Structures are given as C-alpha cells and as structure tokens.
Amino acid sequence: MDVNRNNIEDNTELRARGNWNEIKGQAKQKWGQLTDDDLDYQEGQQDEWFGRMQEKTGETLSDIKSWFQRTF
C-alpha cells in the first residue's frame, strides 16, 4: 500500500524510518555533496525533499527513488 502516494510502499517507508540515520550516512557516502540539512525529511513534504535531492545530486527522481528502495 502507498498511503502517502509517493510511489514508495508503506512497508519500505516504515523500515526507512527505523534505519534513517544509517541510510543518511549511506546517502552522504554516495552523494558526497549532501548535508544533514539536505537529508532532513519533514512529513508531508516529500515533493520538496525529492526536489532538493534532485537539485543537489543531479540525479533523476526515478534514480533517487530506486536507490532508496534498493538501500532499504
């Protein structure tokens, strides 16, 4: 199910919240230009967050979402 309609399954999203610090570290290793502020995720602001990720990394939205889904 995808309650937030963000194209990420809810189970994946819940696992991500539990491991968020670890995942943030992995994201910073992959995309060295990211800061903790860039990775600060606020509930209900997925579009802004993904936009910030695209801007900072130069990656497509699809590539970013795929990376996070593989990382979980």
N, C-alpha and C. Protein backbone atom coordinates (compact mmCIF):
# COMPACT_ATOMS: atom_id res chain seq x y z
N MET A 1 0.85 -1.18 0.00
CA MET A 1 0.00 0.00 0.00
C MET A 1 0.89 1.24 0.00
N ASP A 2 0.37 2.34 -0.49
CA ASP A 2 1.11 3.60 -0.58
C ASP A 2 0.20 4.73 -0.11
N VAL A 3 0.00 4.83 1.19
CA VAL A 3 -0.91 5.81 1.77
C VAL A 3 -0.51 7.23 1.41
N ASN A 4 0.79 7.53 1.41
CA ASN A 4 1.26 8.88 1.12
C ASN A 4 1.26 9.22 -0.37
N ARG A 5 1.00 8.21 -1.19
CA ARG A 5 1.03 8.38 -2.64
C ARG A 5 2.34 8.99 -3.13
N ASN A 6 3.45 8.43 -2.62
CA ASN A 6 4.77 8.93 -3.00
C ASN A 6 5.55 7.88 -3.79
N ASN A 7 4.84 6.85 -4.27
CA ASN A 7 5.43 5.77 -5.06
C ASN A 7 6.45 4.95 -4.28
N ILE A 8 6.38 5.00 -2.96
CA ILE A 8 7.20 4.14 -2.11
C ILE A 8 6.24 3.37 -1.22
N GLU A 9 6.35 2.05 -1.24
CA GLU A 9 5.45 1.23 -0.42
C GLU A 9 5.60 1.60 1.04
N ASP A 10 4.49 1.54 1.76
CA ASP A 10 4.48 1.92 3.17
C ASP A 10 5.44 1.07 3.99
N ASN A 11 5.53 -0.23 3.71
CA ASN A 11 6.46 -1.08 4.47
C ASN A 11 7.89 -0.62 4.28
N THR A 12 8.23 -0.24 3.07
CA THR A 12 9.56 0.28 2.78
C THR A 12 9.80 1.57 3.54
N GLU A 13 8.79 2.43 3.54
CA GLU A 13 8.91 3.72 4.22
C GLU A 13 9.08 3.53 5.73
N LEU A 14 8.35 2.59 6.32
CA LEU A 14 8.47 2.34 7.76
C LEU A 14 9.85 1.79 8.11
N ARG A 15 10.36 0.88 7.28
CA ARG A 15 11.72 0.37 7.52
C ARG A 15 12.72 1.50 7.43
N ALA A 16 12.50 2.41 6.50
CA ALA A 16 13.42 3.53 6.31
C ALA A 16 13.47 4.40 7.55
N ARG A 17 12.33 4.65 8.15
CA ARG A 17 12.31 5.49 9.35
C ARG A 17 13.10 4.86 10.48
N GLY A 18 13.04 3.56 10.57
CA GLY A 18 13.77 2.87 11.62
C GLY A 18 15.27 2.89 11.42
N ASN A 19 15.69 2.97 10.18
CA ASN A 19 17.12 2.93 9.85
C ASN A 19 17.60 4.25 9.27
N TRP A 20 16.90 5.33 9.52
CA TRP A 20 17.16 6.57 8.82
C TRP A 20 18.59 7.10 9.02
N ASN A 21 19.13 7.01 10.21
CA ASN A 21 20.49 7.51 10.43
C ASN A 21 21.51 6.74 9.60
N GLU A 22 21.33 5.44 9.54
CA GLU A 22 22.22 4.61 8.73
C GLU A 22 22.07 4.95 7.25
N ILE A 23 20.85 5.13 6.81
CA ILE A 23 20.59 5.44 5.41
C ILE A 23 21.13 6.82 5.06
N LYS A 24 20.98 7.78 5.97
CA LYS A 24 21.54 9.11 5.72
C LYS A 24 23.04 9.03 5.50
N GLY A 25 23.72 8.23 6.31
CA GLY A 25 25.16 8.06 6.15
C GLY A 25 25.51 7.45 4.80
N GLN A 26 24.74 6.46 4.37
CA GLN A 26 24.97 5.84 3.07
C GLN A 26 24.72 6.83 1.94
N ALA A 27 23.67 7.65 2.07
CA ALA A 27 23.36 8.65 1.05
C ALA A 27 24.48 9.69 0.96
N LYS A 28 25.03 10.08 2.12
CA LYS A 28 26.12 11.05 2.11
C LYS A 28 27.39 10.45 1.51
N GLN A 29 27.57 9.14 1.67
CA GLN A 29 28.71 8.49 1.03
C GLN A 29 28.52 8.44 -0.48
N LYS A 30 27.32 8.13 -0.93
CA LYS A 30 27.04 8.04 -2.36
C LYS A 30 27.10 9.42 -3.01
N TRP A 31 26.46 10.39 -2.38
CA TRP A 31 26.40 11.75 -2.90
C TRP A 31 27.10 12.65 -1.88
N GLY A 32 28.39 12.79 -1.99
CA GLY A 32 29.21 13.49 -1.02
C GLY A 32 28.83 14.93 -0.76
N GLN A 33 28.12 15.56 -1.67
CA GLN A 33 27.75 16.96 -1.51
C GLN A 33 26.53 17.14 -0.59
N LEU A 34 25.87 16.07 -0.18
CA LEU A 34 24.69 16.19 0.68
C LEU A 34 25.09 16.48 2.11
N THR A 35 24.29 17.32 2.76
CA THR A 35 24.50 17.64 4.16
C THR A 35 23.34 17.07 4.98
N ASP A 36 23.47 17.12 6.30
CA ASP A 36 22.37 16.70 7.16
C ASP A 36 21.11 17.52 6.88
N ASP A 37 21.28 18.81 6.62
CA ASP A 37 20.13 19.66 6.30
C ASP A 37 19.44 19.20 5.02
N ASP A 38 20.22 18.80 4.02
CA ASP A 38 19.64 18.32 2.77
C ASP A 38 18.80 17.06 3.00
N LEU A 39 19.23 16.25 3.94
CA LEU A 39 18.57 14.99 4.20
C LEU A 39 17.50 15.08 5.29
N ASP A 40 17.25 16.28 5.78
CA ASP A 40 16.22 16.48 6.79
C ASP A 40 14.86 16.32 6.14
N TYR A 41 14.18 15.27 6.51
CA TYR A 41 12.89 14.93 5.90
C TYR A 41 11.77 15.32 6.84
N GLN A 42 10.83 16.11 6.34
CA GLN A 42 9.67 16.51 7.13
C GLN A 42 8.43 15.83 6.54
N GLU A 43 7.66 15.20 7.39
CA GLU A 43 6.43 14.53 6.96
C GLU A 43 5.55 15.47 6.16
N GLY A 44 5.05 14.98 5.04
CA GLY A 44 4.16 15.77 4.20
C GLY A 44 4.87 16.67 3.20
N GLN A 45 6.21 16.63 3.19
CA GLN A 45 6.96 17.49 2.27
C GLN A 45 7.83 16.66 1.34
N GLN A 46 7.29 15.54 0.89
CA GLN A 46 8.06 14.63 0.04
C GLN A 46 8.50 15.30 -1.25
N ASP A 47 7.60 16.03 -1.89
CA ASP A 47 7.94 16.65 -3.17
C ASP A 47 9.11 17.62 -3.03
N GLU A 48 9.07 18.45 -1.98
CA GLU A 48 10.16 19.40 -1.75
C GLU A 48 11.46 18.67 -1.47
N TRP A 49 11.37 17.61 -0.67
CA TRP A 49 12.55 16.84 -0.29
C TRP A 49 13.19 16.19 -1.52
N PHE A 50 12.36 15.53 -2.33
CA PHE A 50 12.90 14.91 -3.53
C PHE A 50 13.44 15.96 -4.50
N GLY A 51 12.79 17.10 -4.58
CA GLY A 51 13.30 18.19 -5.43
C GLY A 51 14.67 18.66 -4.97
N ARG A 52 14.84 18.77 -3.65
CA ARG A 52 16.13 19.18 -3.09
C ARG A 52 17.19 18.12 -3.40
N MET A 53 16.80 16.85 -3.30
CA MET A 53 17.74 15.76 -3.62
C MET A 53 18.15 15.82 -5.09
N GLN A 54 17.18 16.06 -5.98
CA GLN A 54 17.49 16.15 -7.40
C GLN A 54 18.44 17.30 -7.68
N GLU A 55 18.16 18.43 -7.08
CA GLU A 55 18.98 19.63 -7.28
C GLU A 55 20.41 19.40 -6.84
N LYS A 56 20.59 18.80 -5.65
CA LYS A 56 21.92 18.61 -5.08
C LYS A 56 22.72 17.51 -5.77
N THR A 57 22.02 16.43 -6.20
CA THR A 57 22.75 15.29 -6.74
C THR A 57 22.84 15.29 -8.26
N GLY A 58 21.93 15.99 -8.93
CA GLY A 58 21.89 15.95 -10.38
C GLY A 58 21.27 14.68 -10.92
N GLU A 59 20.72 13.85 -10.04
CA GLU A 59 20.09 12.58 -10.42
C GLU A 59 18.62 12.82 -10.77
N THR A 60 18.04 11.88 -11.51
CA THR A 60 16.62 11.96 -11.80
C THR A 60 15.83 11.50 -10.58
N LEU A 61 14.58 11.88 -10.53
CA LEU A 61 13.71 11.46 -9.44
C LEU A 61 13.62 9.94 -9.39
N SER A 62 13.50 9.33 -10.54
CA SER A 62 13.42 7.88 -10.62
C SER A 62 14.68 7.21 -10.07
N ASP A 63 15.85 7.74 -10.40
CA ASP A 63 17.11 7.18 -9.91
C ASP A 63 17.22 7.31 -8.39
N ILE A 64 16.81 8.45 -7.87
CA ILE A 64 16.88 8.67 -6.42
C ILE A 64 15.95 7.70 -5.70
N LYS A 65 14.72 7.60 -6.16
CA LYS A 65 13.76 6.68 -5.52
C LYS A 65 14.24 5.25 -5.62
N SER A 66 14.78 4.87 -6.76
CA SER A 66 15.29 3.50 -6.93
C SER A 66 16.43 3.21 -5.96
N TRP A 67 17.33 4.17 -5.79
CA TRP A 67 18.44 3.98 -4.85
C TRP A 67 17.92 3.76 -3.43
N PHE A 68 16.99 4.60 -3.01
CA PHE A 68 16.45 4.46 -1.65
C PHE A 68 15.71 3.14 -1.49
N GLN A 69 14.98 2.71 -2.49
CA GLN A 69 14.28 1.43 -2.40
C GLN A 69 15.26 0.27 -2.32
N ARG A 70 16.35 0.34 -3.07
CA ARG A 70 17.37 -0.72 -3.00
C ARG A 70 18.11 -0.72 -1.67
N THR A 71 18.28 0.45 -1.09
CA THR A 71 19.03 0.58 0.15
C THR A 71 18.28 0.00 1.35
N PHE A 72 16.95 0.05 1.28
CA PHE A 72 16.16 -0.48 2.39
C PHE A 72 16.21 -1.96 2.32
